[in-house]
Each structure stands twice: as C-alpha cells, then as structure tokens.
Amino acid sequence: MREIEDKQKQIKTNTQDVLKVWKQHYEEKYNSRNENQQEEMVHTRNDKRKLAANGRNKSKRTGKDNRKDKDRKSQ
C-alpha cells in the first residue's frame, strides 16, 4: 500500500515538473511573439501615417506637391 502511494506521489511530482517547464517555454514563446507583433504594429502605423500625409500633400490631378512651404515635413 505504501509503495502505491509513493509511486503516485512520484508521478504527481514528475507531472508538475513537466508542466512547469512547458508553462515557462510557452510563456517565453508567447511573450516574444507579442513583442514582435507590437513592433510590427508600430511600423505599420507609421507607414500608414506617412502614406496618408503623402497623399494629402499631392495634387490628385498632377501628382505634384501642393504644400506652400515645401521644406515643411508632413505631420
């Protein structure tokens, strides 16, 4: 009877150890993926802003820059 309890306890301990390792692995993978996605979102957002500013400053008919002060950067 004692042997069975010891084996069950050992199995439970091993299972918990394995779960801890997998949890740590998953969290590291998930966190790094989140960081990459956030960086991509920032770059995409900046690219969209640049395109929008570029489109606002150009004439639709001629495609030339419409701004009065051409040295001014798009906001």
PDB file of N, CA and C in Angstrom:
ATOM      1  N   MET A   1       0.816  -1.188   0.000  1.00  0.00           N
ATOM      2  CA  MET A   1       0.000   0.000   0.000  1.00  0.00           C
ATOM      3  C   MET A   1       0.871   1.269   0.000  1.00  0.00           C
ATOM      4  N   ARG A   2       1.893   1.227   0.799  1.00  0.00           N
ATOM      5  CA  ARG A   2       2.813   2.360   0.900  1.00  0.00           C
ATOM      6  C   ARG A   2       3.534   2.594  -0.434  1.00  0.00           C
ATOM      7  N   GLU A   3       3.879   1.515  -1.124  1.00  0.00           N
ATOM      8  CA  GLU A   3       4.570   1.623  -2.413  1.00  0.00           C
ATOM      9  C   GLU A   3       3.694   2.327  -3.442  1.00  0.00           C
ATOM     10  N   ILE A   4       2.428   1.995  -3.433  1.00  0.00           N
ATOM     11  CA  ILE A   4       1.496   2.596  -4.395  1.00  0.00           C
ATOM     12  C   ILE A   4       1.395   4.103  -4.146  1.00  0.00           C
ATOM     13  N   GLU A   5       1.293   4.481  -2.899  1.00  0.00           N
ATOM     14  CA  GLU A   5       1.210   5.908  -2.569  1.00  0.00           C
ATOM     15  C   GLU A   5       2.486   6.644  -2.972  1.00  0.00           C
ATOM     16  N   ASP A   6       3.623   6.001  -2.745  1.00  0.00           N
ATOM     17  CA  ASP A   6       4.900   6.607  -3.128  1.00  0.00           C
ATOM     18  C   ASP A   6       4.997   6.787  -4.638  1.00  0.00           C
ATOM     19  N   LYS A   7       4.550   5.775  -5.386  1.00  0.00           N
ATOM     20  CA  LYS A   7       4.589   5.869  -6.856  1.00  0.00           C
ATOM     21  C   LYS A   7       3.651   6.968  -7.340  1.00  0.00           C
ATOM     22  N   GLN A   8       2.465   7.033  -6.746  1.00  0.00           N
ATOM     23  CA  GLN A   8       1.514   8.068  -7.143  1.00  0.00           C
ATOM     24  C   GLN A   8       2.074   9.465  -6.855  1.00  0.00           C
ATOM     25  N   LYS A   9       2.719   9.590  -5.714  1.00  0.00           N
ATOM     26  CA  LYS A   9       3.320  10.862  -5.339  1.00  0.00           C
ATOM     27  C   LYS A   9       4.441  11.242  -6.314  1.00  0.00           C
ATOM     28  N   GLN A  10       5.244  10.256  -6.689  1.00  0.00           N
ATOM     29  CA  GLN A  10       6.343  10.494  -7.626  1.00  0.00           C
ATOM     30  C   GLN A  10       5.813  10.899  -8.998  1.00  0.00           C
ATOM     31  N   ILE A  11       4.770  10.227  -9.447  1.00  0.00           N
ATOM     32  CA  ILE A  11       4.158  10.557 -10.743  1.00  0.00           C
ATOM     33  C   ILE A  11       3.609  11.980 -10.704  1.00  0.00           C
ATOM     34  N   LYS A  12       2.940  12.322  -9.622  1.00  0.00           N
ATOM     35  CA  LYS A  12       2.380  13.667  -9.487  1.00  0.00           C
ATOM     36  C   LYS A  12       3.491  14.719  -9.520  1.00  0.00           C
ATOM     37  N   THR A  13       4.570  14.468  -8.814  1.00  0.00           N
ATOM     38  CA  THR A  13       5.699  15.398  -8.786  1.00  0.00           C
ATOM     39  C   THR A  13       6.315  15.541 -10.173  1.00  0.00           C
ATOM     40  N   ASN A  14       6.514  14.426 -10.864  1.00  0.00           N
ATOM     41  CA  ASN A  14       7.082  14.471 -12.219  1.00  0.00           C
ATOM     42  C   ASN A  14       6.180  15.261 -13.161  1.00  0.00           C
ATOM     43  N   THR A  15       4.883  15.022 -13.058  1.00  0.00           N
ATOM     44  CA  THR A  15       3.925  15.720 -13.909  1.00  0.00           C
ATOM     45  C   THR A  15       3.981  17.223 -13.653  1.00  0.00           C
ATOM     46  N   GLN A  16       4.044  17.607 -12.402  1.00  0.00           N
ATOM     47  CA  GLN A  16       4.108  19.032 -12.066  1.00  0.00           C
ATOM     48  C   GLN A  16       5.386  19.669 -12.608  1.00  0.00           C
ATOM     49  N   ASP A  17       6.488  18.936 -12.520  1.00  0.00           N
ATOM     50  CA  ASP A  17       7.754  19.452 -13.046  1.00  0.00           C
ATOM     51  C   ASP A  17       7.675  19.668 -14.556  1.00  0.00           C
ATOM     52  N   VAL A  18       7.106  18.691 -15.247  1.00  0.00           N
ATOM     53  CA  VAL A  18       6.967  18.797 -16.705  1.00  0.00           C
ATOM     54  C   VAL A  18       6.064  19.979 -17.058  1.00  0.00           C
ATOM     55  N   LEU A  19       4.972  20.126 -16.322  1.00  0.00           N
ATOM     56  CA  LEU A  19       4.056  21.236 -16.595  1.00  0.00           C
ATOM     57  C   LEU A  19       4.725  22.595 -16.359  1.00  0.00           C
ATOM     58  N   LYS A  20       5.552  22.688 -15.342  1.00  0.00           N
ATOM     59  CA  LYS A  20       6.269  23.938 -15.084  1.00  0.00           C
ATOM     60  C   LYS A  20       7.187  24.288 -16.252  1.00  0.00           C
ATOM     61  N   VAL A  21       7.893  23.281 -16.754  1.00  0.00           N
ATOM     62  CA  VAL A  21       8.816  23.515 -17.871  1.00  0.00           C
ATOM     63  C   VAL A  21       8.051  23.958 -19.109  1.00  0.00           C
ATOM     64  N   TRP A  22       6.947  23.281 -19.431  1.00  0.00           N
ATOM     65  CA  TRP A  22       6.157  23.641 -20.605  1.00  0.00           C
ATOM     66  C   TRP A  22       5.521  25.022 -20.448  1.00  0.00           C
ATOM     67  N   LYS A  23       5.072  25.310 -19.241  1.00  0.00           N
ATOM     68  CA  LYS A  23       4.474  26.622 -18.999  1.00  0.00           C
ATOM     69  C   LYS A  23       5.506  27.722 -19.239  1.00  0.00           C
ATOM     70  N   GLN A  24       6.705  27.528 -18.732  1.00  0.00           N
ATOM     71  CA  GLN A  24       7.774  28.507 -18.918  1.00  0.00           C
ATOM     72  C   GLN A  24       8.105  28.662 -20.406  1.00  0.00           C
ATOM     73  N   HIS A  25       8.208  27.540 -21.102  1.00  0.00           N
ATOM     74  CA  HIS A  25       8.508  27.566 -22.536  1.00  0.00           C
ATOM     75  C   HIS A  25       7.419  28.328 -23.297  1.00  0.00           C
ATOM     76  N   TYR A  26       6.163  28.018 -22.990  1.00  0.00           N
ATOM     77  CA  TYR A  26       5.043  28.661 -23.675  1.00  0.00           C
ATOM     78  C   TYR A  26       5.032  30.164 -23.398  1.00  0.00           C
ATOM     79  N   GLU A  27       5.251  30.548 -22.137  1.00  0.00           N
ATOM     80  CA  GLU A  27       5.242  31.972 -21.794  1.00  0.00           C
ATOM     81  C   GLU A  27       6.346  32.729 -22.520  1.00  0.00           C
ATOM     82  N   GLU A  28       7.526  32.136 -22.605  1.00  0.00           N
ATOM     83  CA  GLU A  28       8.626  32.795 -23.315  1.00  0.00           C
ATOM     84  C   GLU A  28       8.287  32.967 -24.792  1.00  0.00           C
ATOM     85  N   LYS A  29       7.739  31.927 -25.381  1.00  0.00           N
ATOM     86  CA  LYS A  29       7.378  31.976 -26.801  1.00  0.00           C
ATOM     87  C   LYS A  29       6.277  33.008 -27.032  1.00  0.00           C
ATOM     88  N   TYR A  30       5.259  32.988 -26.189  1.00  0.00           N
ATOM     89  CA  TYR A  30       4.124  33.892 -26.337  1.00  0.00           C
ATOM     90  C   TYR A  30       4.558  35.345 -26.139  1.00  0.00           C
ATOM     91  N   ASN A  31       5.376  35.598 -25.127  1.00  0.00           N
ATOM     92  CA  ASN A  31       5.825  36.965 -24.856  1.00  0.00           C
ATOM     93  C   ASN A  31       6.676  37.508 -25.995  1.00  0.00           C
ATOM     94  N   SER A  32       7.565  36.689 -26.541  1.00  0.00           N
ATOM     95  CA  SER A  32       8.402  37.167 -27.645  1.00  0.00           C
ATOM     96  C   SER A  32       7.553  37.427 -28.887  1.00  0.00           C
ATOM     97  N   ARG A  33       6.534  36.595 -29.096  1.00  0.00           N
ATOM     98  CA  ARG A  33       5.653  36.803 -30.246  1.00  0.00           C
ATOM     99  C   ARG A  33       4.869  38.103 -30.075  1.00  0.00           C
ATOM    100  N   ASN A  34       4.402  38.367 -28.855  1.00  0.00           N
ATOM    101  CA  ASN A  34       3.677  39.607 -28.595  1.00  0.00           C
ATOM    102  C   ASN A  34       4.547  40.826 -28.846  1.00  0.00           C
ATOM    103  N   GLU A  35       5.799  40.767 -28.407  1.00  0.00           N
ATOM    104  CA  GLU A  35       6.710  41.888 -28.624  1.00  0.00           C
ATOM    105  C   GLU A  35       6.918  42.128 -30.113  1.00  0.00           C
ATOM    106  N   ASN A  36       7.080  41.059 -30.876  1.00  0.00           N
ATOM    107  CA  ASN A  36       7.272  41.199 -32.325  1.00  0.00           C
ATOM    108  C   ASN A  36       6.041  41.802 -32.980  1.00  0.00           C
ATOM    109  N   GLN A  37       4.857  41.355 -32.549  1.00  0.00           N
ATOM    110  CA  GLN A  37       3.633  41.890 -33.135  1.00  0.00           C
ATOM    111  C   GLN A  37       3.476  43.369 -32.821  1.00  0.00           C
ATOM    112  N   GLN A  38       3.816  43.761 -31.602  1.00  0.00           N
ATOM    113  CA  GLN A  38       3.703  45.170 -31.240  1.00  0.00           C
ATOM    114  C   GLN A  38       4.653  46.022 -32.067  1.00  0.00           C
ATOM    115  N   GLU A  39       5.865  45.531 -32.297  1.00  0.00           N
ATOM    116  CA  GLU A  39       6.816  46.270 -33.131  1.00  0.00           C
ATOM    117  C   GLU A  39       6.284  46.405 -34.554  1.00  0.00           C
ATOM    118  N   GLU A  40       5.714  45.327 -35.084  1.00  0.00           N
ATOM    119  CA  GLU A  40       5.164  45.371 -36.442  1.00  0.00           C
ATOM    120  C   GLU A  40       4.013  46.361 -36.518  1.00  0.00           C
ATOM    121  N   MET A  41       3.174  46.392 -35.478  1.00  0.00           N
ATOM    122  CA  MET A  41       2.041  47.311 -35.471  1.00  0.00           C
ATOM    123  C   MET A  41       2.521  48.761 -35.483  1.00  0.00           C
ATOM    124  N   VAL A  42       3.564  49.060 -34.727  1.00  0.00           N
ATOM    125  CA  VAL A  42       4.096  50.423 -34.690  1.00  0.00           C
ATOM    126  C   VAL A  42       4.634  50.805 -36.062  1.00  0.00           C
ATOM    127  N   HIS A  43       5.392  49.905 -36.693  1.00  0.00           N
ATOM    128  CA  HIS A  43       5.937  50.196 -38.018  1.00  0.00           C
ATOM    129  C   HIS A  43       4.816  50.374 -39.038  1.00  0.00           C
ATOM    130  N   THR A  44       3.809  49.524 -38.975  1.00  0.00           N
ATOM    131  CA  THR A  44       2.689  49.622 -39.905  1.00  0.00           C
ATOM    132  C   THR A  44       1.955  50.937 -39.707  1.00  0.00           C
ATOM    133  N   ARG A  45       1.727  51.302 -38.463  1.00  0.00           N
ATOM    134  CA  ARG A  45       1.024  52.546 -38.157  1.00  0.00           C
ATOM    135  C   ARG A  45       1.815  53.736 -38.697  1.00  0.00           C
ATOM    136  N   ASN A  46       3.123  53.720 -38.508  1.00  0.00           N
ATOM    137  CA  ASN A  46       3.952  54.820 -39.010  1.00  0.00           C
ATOM    138  C   ASN A  46       3.933  54.870 -40.531  1.00  0.00           C
ATOM    139  N   ASP A  47       3.979  53.701 -41.174  1.00  0.00           N
ATOM    140  CA  ASP A  47       3.928  53.658 -42.634  1.00  0.00           C
ATOM    141  C   ASP A  47       2.605  54.215 -43.143  1.00  0.00           C
ATOM    142  N   LYS A  48       1.511  53.861 -42.482  1.00  0.00           N
ATOM    143  CA  LYS A  48       0.200  54.361 -42.901  1.00  0.00           C
ATOM    144  C   LYS A  48       0.123  55.872 -42.753  1.00  0.00           C
ATOM    145  N   ARG A  49       0.693  56.383 -41.659  1.00  0.00           N
ATOM    146  CA  ARG A  49       0.687  57.837 -41.457  1.00  0.00           C
ATOM    147  C   ARG A  49       1.486  58.542 -42.545  1.00  0.00           C
ATOM    148  N   LYS A  50       2.622  57.974 -42.903  1.00  0.00           N
ATOM    149  CA  LYS A  50       3.445  58.578 -43.951  1.00  0.00           C
ATOM    150  C   LYS A  50       2.698  58.580 -45.278  1.00  0.00           C
ATOM    151  N   LEU A  51       2.047  57.465 -45.590  1.00  0.00           N
ATOM    152  CA  LEU A  51       1.300  57.390 -46.845  1.00  0.00           C
ATOM    153  C   LEU A  51       0.147  58.383 -46.850  1.00  0.00           C
ATOM    154  N   ALA A  52      -0.547  58.499 -45.737  1.00  0.00           N
ATOM    155  CA  ALA A  52      -1.670  59.427 -45.660  1.00  0.00           C
ATOM    156  C   ALA A  52      -1.178  60.865 -45.812  1.00  0.00           C
ATOM    157  N   ALA A  53      -0.093  61.194 -45.150  1.00  0.00           N
ATOM    158  CA  ALA A  53       0.455  62.549 -45.253  1.00  0.00           C
ATOM    159  C   ALA A  53       0.922  62.817 -46.675  1.00  0.00           C
ATOM    160  N   ASN A  54       1.520  61.837 -47.289  1.00  0.00           N
ATOM    161  CA  ASN A  54       1.990  61.978 -48.657  1.00  0.00           C
ATOM    162  C   ASN A  54       0.808  62.214 -49.592  1.00  0.00           C
ATOM    163  N   GLY A  55      -0.272  61.489 -49.386  1.00  0.00           N
ATOM    164  CA  GLY A  55      -1.453  61.637 -50.228  1.00  0.00           C
ATOM    165  C   GLY A  55      -2.134  62.977 -50.047  1.00  0.00           C
ATOM    166  N   ARG A  56      -2.123  63.500 -48.831  1.00  0.00           N
ATOM    167  CA  ARG A  56      -2.761  64.798 -48.566  1.00  0.00           C
ATOM    168  C   ARG A  56      -1.996  65.938 -49.219  1.00  0.00           C
ATOM    169  N   ASN A  57      -0.731  65.756 -49.408  1.00  0.00           N
ATOM    170  CA  ASN A  57       0.098  66.859 -49.888  1.00  0.00           C
ATOM    171  C   ASN A  57       0.301  66.850 -51.399  1.00  0.00           C
ATOM    172  N   LYS A  58      -0.301  65.920 -52.068  1.00  0.00           N
ATOM    173  CA  LYS A  58      -0.110  65.857 -53.516  1.00  0.00           C
ATOM    174  C   LYS A  58      -1.421  66.141 -54.244  1.00  0.00           C
ATOM    175  N   SER A  59      -1.289  66.765 -55.358  1.00  0.00           N
ATOM    176  CA  SER A  59      -2.440  67.035 -56.199  1.00  0.00           C
ATOM    177  C   SER A  59      -2.910  65.733 -56.834  1.00  0.00           C
ATOM    178  N   LYS A  60      -4.216  65.528 -56.846  1.00  0.00           N
ATOM    179  CA  LYS A  60      -4.739  64.297 -57.448  1.00  0.00           C
ATOM    180  C   LYS A  60      -4.567  64.313 -58.967  1.00  0.00           C
ATOM    181  N   ARG A  61      -4.670  65.489 -59.549  1.00  0.00           N
ATOM    182  CA  ARG A  61      -4.591  65.573 -60.996  1.00  0.00           C
ATOM    183  C   ARG A  61      -3.152  65.477 -61.492  1.00  0.00           C
ATOM    184  N   THR A  62      -2.245  66.203 -60.880  1.00  0.00           N
ATOM    185  CA  THR A  62      -0.880  66.252 -61.399  1.00  0.00           C
ATOM    186  C   THR A  62       0.097  65.376 -60.625  1.00  0.00           C
ATOM    187  N   GLY A  63      -0.223  65.068 -59.373  1.00  0.00           N
ATOM    188  CA  GLY A  63       0.683  64.284 -58.553  1.00  0.00           C
ATOM    189  C   GLY A  63       1.821  65.105 -57.988  1.00  0.00           C
ATOM    190  N   LYS A  64       1.750  66.438 -58.177  1.00  0.00           N
ATOM    191  CA  LYS A  64       2.806  67.310 -57.656  1.00  0.00           C
ATOM    192  C   LYS A  64       2.490  67.724 -56.224  1.00  0.00           C
ATOM    193  N   ASP A  65       3.525  68.150 -55.543  1.00  0.00           N
ATOM    194  CA  ASP A  65       3.397  68.568 -54.153  1.00  0.00           C
ATOM    195  C   ASP A  65       2.601  69.866 -54.079  1.00  0.00           C
ATOM    196  N   ASN A  66       1.557  69.897 -53.256  1.00  0.00           N
ATOM    197  CA  ASN A  66       0.687  71.060 -53.125  1.00  0.00           C
ATOM    198  C   ASN A  66       1.084  72.016 -52.016  1.00  0.00           C
ATOM    199  N   ARG A  67       1.954  71.613 -51.153  1.00  0.00           N
ATOM    200  CA  ARG A  67       2.242  72.422 -49.971  1.00  0.00           C
ATOM    201  C   ARG A  67       2.869  73.754 -50.361  1.00  0.00           C
ATOM    202  N   LYS A  68       2.450  74.780 -49.631  1.00  0.00           N
ATOM    203  CA  LYS A  68       3.009  76.108 -49.882  1.00  0.00           C
ATOM    204  C   LYS A  68       4.464  76.158 -49.427  1.00  0.00           C
ATOM    205  N   ASP A  69       4.724  75.594 -48.239  1.00  0.00           N
ATOM    206  CA  ASP A  69       6.085  75.556 -47.707  1.00  0.00           C
ATOM    207  C   ASP A  69       6.614  74.145 -47.926  1.00  0.00           C
ATOM    208  N   LYS A  70       7.337  73.929 -49.000  1.00  0.00           N
ATOM    209  CA  LYS A  70       7.769  72.579 -49.368  1.00  0.00           C
ATOM    210  C   LYS A  70       8.841  72.033 -48.446  1.00  0.00           C
ATOM    211  N   ASP A  71       9.490  72.896 -47.673  1.00  0.00           N
ATOM    212  CA  ASP A  71      10.514  72.431 -46.739  1.00  0.00           C
ATOM    213  C   ASP A  71       9.890  71.819 -45.486  1.00  0.00           C
ATOM    214  N   ARG A  72       8.655  72.152 -45.232  1.00  0.00           N
ATOM    215  CA  ARG A  72       7.984  71.654 -44.030  1.00  0.00           C
ATOM    216  C   ARG A  72       7.746  70.148 -44.164  1.00  0.00           C
ATOM    217  N   LYS A  73       8.008  69.435 -43.099  1.00  0.00           N
ATOM    218  CA  LYS A  73       7.799  67.979 -43.103  1.00  0.00           C
ATOM    219  C   LYS A  73       6.326  67.687 -42.858  1.00  0.00           C
ATOM    220  N   SER A  74       5.841  66.569 -43.362  1.00  0.00           N
ATOM    221  CA  SER A  74       4.455  66.178 -43.107  1.00  0.00           C
ATOM    222  C   SER A  74       4.294  65.836 -41.637  1.00  0.00           C
ATOM    223  N   GLN A  75       3.152  66.172 -41.113  1.00  0.00           N
ATOM    224  CA  GLN A  75       2.927  65.961 -39.673  1.00  0.00           C
ATOM    225  C   GLN A  75       2.277  64.643 -39.405  1.00  0.00           C
TER     226      GLN A  75
END
